[in-house]
Amino acid sequence: MPLFSTITVKGHVTIPEQHRDALGIKAHERVLLECKGDSVVVRRASLSIAELAGGFKPSLPHAGKTAEWEGARAARLGRYQYQPKTV
C-alpha cells in the first residue's frame, strides 16, 4: 500500500512503520537506496565482508612492540594498582 512521506529541509525522509516492519528495518540500521527511473527503491542493507573492509581500527601489533608503547602501558597499569594507605 502506498504511503506518503515528506522530505525535510535536511533531506531526511521517514520510512513509515509498516514498511520498516515489512523489511525488518530497525533504528540505526543501514538501508540501500537505488534510483530506478523516477523512483527510489529502498532495500534492507546486507553488508558483505568486502563492504566491511576498512570499517574496523587495526589492532596494535603484538610482535615487536616499541619501548614507547610498553612504557605507556606500564604507566596505565601503575595508575590502577592497589596502594594500601599507611596510617
N, C-alpha and C. Protein backbone atom coordinates (compact mmCIF):
# COMPACT_ATOMS: atom_id res chain seq x y z
N MET A 1 0.83 -1.17 0.00
CA MET A 1 0.00 0.00 0.00
C MET A 1 0.89 1.24 0.00
N PRO A 2 0.67 2.16 -0.93
CA PRO A 2 1.49 3.37 -0.98
C PRO A 2 1.17 4.31 0.18
N LEU A 3 2.21 4.86 0.79
CA LEU A 3 2.06 5.84 1.86
C LEU A 3 2.93 7.04 1.51
N PHE A 4 2.51 8.22 1.95
CA PHE A 4 3.27 9.44 1.67
C PHE A 4 4.19 9.77 2.83
N SER A 5 5.33 10.37 2.51
CA SER A 5 6.29 10.86 3.48
C SER A 5 6.82 12.18 2.95
N THR A 6 7.25 13.06 3.84
CA THR A 6 7.73 14.38 3.45
C THR A 6 9.24 14.45 3.63
N ILE A 7 9.91 15.10 2.70
CA ILE A 7 11.35 15.31 2.80
C ILE A 7 11.59 16.58 3.59
N THR A 8 12.45 16.50 4.61
CA THR A 8 12.75 17.67 5.43
C THR A 8 13.75 18.57 4.70
N VAL A 9 14.00 19.73 5.28
CA VAL A 9 14.97 20.68 4.71
C VAL A 9 16.35 20.04 4.60
N LYS A 10 16.68 19.15 5.54
CA LYS A 10 17.98 18.48 5.53
C LYS A 10 18.00 17.24 4.64
N GLY A 11 16.88 16.94 3.97
CA GLY A 11 16.84 15.80 3.07
C GLY A 11 16.46 14.49 3.75
N HIS A 12 15.99 14.55 5.00
CA HIS A 12 15.59 13.34 5.72
C HIS A 12 14.20 12.92 5.30
N VAL A 13 14.00 11.60 5.23
CA VAL A 13 12.70 11.03 4.91
C VAL A 13 12.38 9.98 5.96
N THR A 14 11.16 9.99 6.47
CA THR A 14 10.74 8.97 7.42
C THR A 14 10.10 7.82 6.65
N ILE A 15 10.60 6.62 6.91
CA ILE A 15 10.01 5.42 6.29
C ILE A 15 8.89 4.98 7.24
N PRO A 16 7.67 4.91 6.76
CA PRO A 16 6.55 4.54 7.63
C PRO A 16 6.78 3.21 8.34
N GLU A 17 6.25 3.10 9.56
CA GLU A 17 6.47 1.94 10.41
C GLU A 17 6.09 0.62 9.73
N GLN A 18 4.97 0.60 9.04
CA GLN A 18 4.57 -0.68 8.42
C GLN A 18 5.54 -1.11 7.33
N HIS A 19 6.18 -0.16 6.65
CA HIS A 19 7.19 -0.52 5.65
C HIS A 19 8.48 -0.98 6.32
N ARG A 20 8.87 -0.30 7.43
CA ARG A 20 10.06 -0.74 8.18
C ARG A 20 9.86 -2.14 8.72
N ASP A 21 8.67 -2.40 9.26
CA ASP A 21 8.38 -3.73 9.79
C ASP A 21 8.41 -4.79 8.69
N ALA A 22 7.86 -4.45 7.53
CA ALA A 22 7.83 -5.40 6.41
C ALA A 22 9.25 -5.76 5.95
N LEU A 23 10.16 -4.79 6.01
CA LEU A 23 11.55 -5.02 5.60
C LEU A 23 12.42 -5.52 6.75
N GLY A 24 11.92 -5.44 7.98
CA GLY A 24 12.72 -5.85 9.13
C GLY A 24 13.79 -4.84 9.47
N ILE A 25 13.52 -3.56 9.20
CA ILE A 25 14.49 -2.49 9.46
C ILE A 25 14.24 -1.93 10.86
N LYS A 26 15.32 -1.84 11.63
CA LYS A 26 15.24 -1.28 12.98
C LYS A 26 16.02 0.04 13.02
N ALA A 27 15.86 0.79 14.10
CA ALA A 27 16.56 2.06 14.27
C ALA A 27 18.07 1.86 14.14
N HIS A 28 18.73 2.78 13.50
CA HIS A 28 20.19 2.84 13.31
C HIS A 28 20.72 1.79 12.34
N GLU A 29 19.87 1.04 11.68
CA GLU A 29 20.33 0.12 10.65
C GLU A 29 20.47 0.87 9.33
N ARG A 30 21.35 0.36 8.48
CA ARG A 30 21.57 0.98 7.17
C ARG A 30 20.59 0.41 6.16
N VAL A 31 20.22 1.25 5.20
CA VAL A 31 19.38 0.81 4.09
C VAL A 31 20.10 1.14 2.79
N LEU A 32 19.74 0.46 1.75
CA LEU A 32 20.31 0.68 0.42
C LEU A 32 19.28 1.44 -0.40
N LEU A 33 19.67 2.57 -0.96
CA LEU A 33 18.80 3.38 -1.81
C LEU A 33 19.28 3.27 -3.24
N GLU A 34 18.35 2.99 -4.13
CA GLU A 34 18.72 2.82 -5.54
C GLU A 34 17.72 3.57 -6.41
N CYS A 35 18.23 4.44 -7.30
CA CYS A 35 17.36 5.17 -8.23
C CYS A 35 17.05 4.29 -9.43
N LYS A 36 15.76 4.21 -9.74
CA LYS A 36 15.31 3.48 -10.93
C LYS A 36 14.31 4.37 -11.65
N GLY A 37 14.78 5.01 -12.70
CA GLY A 37 13.92 5.94 -13.44
C GLY A 37 13.53 7.11 -12.55
N ASP A 38 12.21 7.29 -12.35
CA ASP A 38 11.75 8.39 -11.50
C ASP A 38 11.38 7.90 -10.09
N SER A 39 11.94 6.75 -9.69
CA SER A 39 11.63 6.16 -8.38
C SER A 39 12.91 5.91 -7.59
N VAL A 40 12.74 5.78 -6.29
CA VAL A 40 13.83 5.38 -5.41
C VAL A 40 13.40 4.09 -4.73
N VAL A 41 14.23 3.06 -4.85
CA VAL A 41 13.95 1.78 -4.22
C VAL A 41 14.74 1.71 -2.92
N VAL A 42 14.05 1.36 -1.83
CA VAL A 42 14.68 1.23 -0.52
C VAL A 42 14.76 -0.26 -0.20
N ARG A 43 15.97 -0.71 0.13
CA ARG A 43 16.18 -2.11 0.47
C ARG A 43 16.91 -2.21 1.79
N ARG A 44 16.66 -3.30 2.48
CA ARG A 44 17.43 -3.57 3.69
C ARG A 44 18.86 -3.86 3.26
N ALA A 45 19.82 -3.21 3.89
CA ALA A 45 21.22 -3.40 3.52
C ALA A 45 21.76 -4.66 4.18
N SER A 46 22.40 -5.49 3.40
CA SER A 46 23.10 -6.65 3.95
C SER A 46 24.56 -6.49 3.55
N LEU A 47 25.39 -6.25 4.55
CA LEU A 47 26.79 -5.96 4.29
C LEU A 47 27.60 -7.24 4.17
N SER A 48 28.42 -7.30 3.15
CA SER A 48 29.32 -8.44 2.97
C SER A 48 30.64 -8.13 3.66
N ILE A 49 31.48 -9.11 3.76
CA ILE A 49 32.81 -8.92 4.36
C ILE A 49 33.58 -7.85 3.60
N ALA A 50 33.46 -7.84 2.28
CA ALA A 50 34.17 -6.85 1.46
C ALA A 50 33.69 -5.44 1.77
N GLU A 51 32.39 -5.28 2.01
CA GLU A 51 31.86 -3.95 2.32
C GLU A 51 32.27 -3.47 3.70
N LEU A 52 32.58 -4.40 4.60
CA LEU A 52 33.02 -4.04 5.94
C LEU A 52 34.50 -3.67 5.99
N ALA A 53 35.23 -3.98 4.94
CA ALA A 53 36.68 -3.73 4.92
C ALA A 53 36.97 -2.27 5.21
N GLY A 54 37.89 -2.03 6.13
CA GLY A 54 38.27 -0.68 6.49
C GLY A 54 37.37 -0.07 7.55
N GLY A 55 36.36 -0.78 7.98
CA GLY A 55 35.44 -0.25 8.97
C GLY A 55 35.89 -0.48 10.40
N PHE A 56 36.97 -1.21 10.58
CA PHE A 56 37.48 -1.51 11.91
C PHE A 56 38.87 -0.92 12.06
N LYS A 57 39.17 -0.44 13.25
CA LYS A 57 40.51 0.07 13.50
C LYS A 57 41.47 -1.10 13.62
N PRO A 58 42.65 -0.96 13.04
CA PRO A 58 43.62 -2.05 13.15
C PRO A 58 44.08 -2.19 14.60
N SER A 59 44.33 -3.42 15.02
CA SER A 59 44.79 -3.64 16.40
C SER A 59 46.27 -3.27 16.50
N LEU A 60 46.70 -3.07 17.72
CA LEU A 60 48.12 -2.78 17.93
C LEU A 60 48.93 -4.02 17.61
N PRO A 61 50.12 -3.84 17.08
CA PRO A 61 50.94 -5.01 16.75
C PRO A 61 51.32 -5.76 18.02
N HIS A 62 51.25 -7.09 17.98
CA HIS A 62 51.58 -7.89 19.14
C HIS A 62 53.06 -8.23 19.18
N ALA A 63 53.68 -8.31 18.04
CA ALA A 63 55.11 -8.63 17.99
C ALA A 63 55.90 -7.35 17.76
N GLY A 64 57.01 -7.22 18.42
CA GLY A 64 57.88 -6.07 18.20
C GLY A 64 57.31 -4.78 18.73
N LYS A 65 56.65 -4.82 19.90
CA LYS A 65 56.09 -3.61 20.49
C LYS A 65 57.24 -2.65 20.81
N THR A 66 56.99 -1.39 20.63
CA THR A 66 58.03 -0.40 20.86
C THR A 66 58.18 -0.13 22.35
N ALA A 67 59.31 0.40 22.72
CA ALA A 67 59.57 0.75 24.11
C ALA A 67 58.58 1.83 24.57
N GLU A 68 58.23 2.73 23.66
CA GLU A 68 57.27 3.79 23.99
C GLU A 68 55.91 3.18 24.34
N TRP A 69 55.48 2.19 23.55
CA TRP A 69 54.20 1.53 23.80
C TRP A 69 54.23 0.82 25.15
N GLU A 70 55.31 0.10 25.41
CA GLU A 70 55.45 -0.64 26.68
C GLU A 70 55.47 0.33 27.87
N GLY A 71 56.15 1.47 27.72
CA GLY A 71 56.19 2.47 28.79
C GLY A 71 54.82 3.05 29.08
N ALA A 72 54.06 3.33 28.04
CA ALA A 72 52.71 3.87 28.21
C ALA A 72 51.81 2.84 28.89
N ARG A 73 51.95 1.58 28.51
CA ARG A 73 51.15 0.51 29.12
C ARG A 73 51.50 0.38 30.60
N ALA A 74 52.76 0.41 30.93
CA ALA A 74 53.19 0.30 32.33
C ALA A 74 52.65 1.46 33.15
N ALA A 75 52.65 2.65 32.57
CA ALA A 75 52.12 3.83 33.28
C ALA A 75 50.63 3.69 33.53
N ARG A 76 49.90 3.18 32.54
CA ARG A 76 48.45 2.97 32.71
C ARG A 76 48.18 1.97 33.81
N LEU A 77 48.91 0.86 33.79
CA LEU A 77 48.70 -0.18 34.78
C LEU A 77 49.07 0.30 36.18
N GLY A 78 50.10 1.12 36.27
CA GLY A 78 50.54 1.65 37.56
C GLY A 78 49.49 2.52 38.22
N ARG A 79 48.67 3.19 37.42
CA ARG A 79 47.63 4.05 37.98
C ARG A 79 46.54 3.25 38.66
N TYR A 80 46.35 2.00 38.26
CA TYR A 80 45.22 1.22 38.75
C TYR A 80 45.63 0.14 39.75
N GLN A 81 46.88 0.09 40.13
CA GLN A 81 47.31 -0.90 41.10
C GLN A 81 46.94 -0.44 42.51
N TYR A 82 46.58 -1.39 43.34
CA TYR A 82 46.16 -1.10 44.71
C TYR A 82 47.35 -0.63 45.53
N GLN A 83 47.21 0.51 46.14
CA GLN A 83 48.24 1.07 47.00
C GLN A 83 47.65 1.21 48.40
N PRO A 84 48.02 0.33 49.35
CA PRO A 84 47.44 0.47 50.70
C PRO A 84 47.91 1.77 51.35
N LYS A 85 46.98 2.41 52.05
CA LYS A 85 47.31 3.67 52.71
C LYS A 85 47.99 3.38 54.04
N THR A 86 49.01 4.14 54.34
CA THR A 86 49.70 3.98 55.61
C THR A 86 49.14 4.99 56.60
N VAL A 87 49.02 4.54 57.83
CA VAL A 87 48.43 5.41 58.85
C VAL A 87 49.48 5.89 59.79
